[in-house]
């Protein structure tokens, strides 16, 4: 069979390689085979190569919505009424805009250029007109002029002209105007390299530039760009009201009228929705969904609903509703409206009754365990009388049937093969919003598409696992004869070294491995916020990952890199010492001011400053002092001086004080101004008269990339927990200018990392979380 088809496809002009590639796609193969058979009925005998190419285009480009027009298109091709790809594309576009019968044949032929003859004189005149328009610029730039401009404008004047003929005419008239190419015309343009001075402009010598190029993630105004600004025009979806143009969309006799009404109600604007279940805290994967839904609508001047999918009352809590909304707003988005699936419970019930009346749903008594999986037995109640199902469904609603004793099932099959999905089940559980009014609750498969329809969603953006539900999504809307949105799928975003399952996070909390949903070691959004991750960094991360169909698993280092990029331009500098060592300066100058003004951003001093204390007693990191320095050591030692950041002084050790165990407890030193002595090998940070704070340092919670993978972690994810994932420093010293900082304010503690104020801060003691180190720790890799 394959050999025969290859021979058939080659006979219409395909190469043998192209014919073999075509056979790999069953849909295209069947379409092309059918088109060739239809052509044979019209004109027996061989099909010429040009017509064969057009038949192949029909097979590959004809969308499901207009597949019924295939034989008509084949006839137009074989009878040479349509004899170019330009004409065929115009014909397909017209049919896609007018998918329902009857076809206006006169309009169709006009739009498709049937009978249009473009003469050489017309082509010559059109090209002459365009060249006349650009004659002066052509003579100046000669062959470096963009000839595509001439082609584009000439083709626009002659929609159905042969492109090759138009190009030949353009080439001939340009040659006639400019003459043959000269050596200068053939020279390649020289790329100008930026000078060293240009590369270094705006940056002090030896200081890293604070702001990255504005073509990355910072706007001209110095603000971090939004998700869609970074993504650009990457998403090419249908326009509002043009749902019928998308692949797989099902068209019914009511479709066009419903779309017309829908378009009026939305005012032509894009409408999306973010539909989380309020039974847990959002995680990093949800950030991608939030950015995509809200960002896409915002980019196109549209609106986004925050819709809680509250159909599982036993799992829903008020704290989750509040936290979800807070996280959406924290990421920078304001919902057009906050809605709930439960807002529509009455309407959804009425739809279910209508579905039964239309013969598309029935009450079933199979047990839940018998409905699990895909190869389930057919229900013996599938063909029960409509009136009987109506009565039983009302009994379910009125509490006359016990939990697990009946469900309402829909007469359709999901793309993954699951038969007759459940629409309603019985749950004698009060609902968070509706109380005891209902004891039956709709499922996701039933609720989601109908809520999308009710809210006039134009683009229902879902993760890829819902692709198998797309056919039932369209089926249900059409079965009820209501407006049908378009479902688009994209790949999930997951991180290594993390678990995001609500059940597993709850287990971590309940067993004391983490403190709560916002423990900074987790990858919930509340946890990332508490740790100090700025929302702009999360949006930047989502934009860098992009939106594709493939599931994406990313190392946390990429997210941390985005955090560094953003905090580097937003977090003011301060100095802190986590493991303090006392230094007493014996010759502290009597005329030296006891406070210094230092910039918040050393590379851009225009962005403000703060004052720090500078007194005879200072504190440095213990790791910044050794009793003896070798040639590779650049910090403080008994035999090596060191500079103090921002102070303008060099320290020289005079005496080392030790405790009974031989540990250094104090260094007695003298100082000189930097201009009065040799430049030291290094400069260190320090604090004087500091604020005592608690600092929390975080590492990865899990040792392995995939803690949930039994092949990597046979003992389960709880056996993979890093006991050193949290280190608490109860008495760190921070310069006192941070004392008025608010919860979540971020700072770069110089040489140490980025830190944020934790919500455990009290008037008596500040608490800081280390957000990220200044550089990625190579040990993690």
Foldseek 3Di string as FASTA:
>chain_A
DLVVQLVVLVQLPDDSVVSVVQVVDVQLSVQLVVLVVLLCVVPNDGHHNQLSVVSSVCSPPQFPLQSVCSSVLSNCSSVVQQRDPLLVVQLSVVCLVVVDDDDPVVVSSVSSVRPPDQDLVNLLVLLVVLCVVCVVVCQVCPLVPPCVVSLVSSCVVVVPDDSVSSVVSNVVVSCVSHPDDDPVSVDDDDDDDDDPCVVCPLFDPPGDFLADDCLAQAHPVRHGDFLCVLLDPVDDDDFQLSQSNDHPFYDDPLANVQSVVLCVVQVRAAEEELEEALQFFAFLLSLLVLSVRQVVRVVRVHFYEHEYAQQPQVRHDPVSVVRRQVLSVLLPGDHPYYYYLVVCPVVLLVLLLVCLVLLFKFKAQDFPVQQPDQPHDDTPGSPPDSVVRNVVSVCLFVVVDDFRRIFMWGQDAFQVRRGTDTFKGFACDAHPPRGRNGRIGGDCLSRVLVVCQVVSHAEHEEELVCVRSQVSSSVSCVSSVTHGHHYDYWATEAEFLADDDRVVVVVCCVVVVAPDSLCLLHRRSNVLLQLQQRSSLSSSLSSVVPTHNHHHYYYCVSSVVSSLSVCSSPAFAWAWELAKAKEAAPCDDPPDDQKAWDARRNSDNVVGIDIFGHDRIKIFYPVQEDQDDDPPRQGHHQPFWEAEPRPQKIWHFDDFDADPVRHTRYTYTHIDGCVVDDHGSYYGYIHDPFAWAKEKEFDRQFLGRHQQDCVVPVVGNVVGGDPPRIDMRRTMTITCVCLPPDFSRWHQHPPFAIWGWHPVQDNVHTYIYHSDGSDDDPVSD
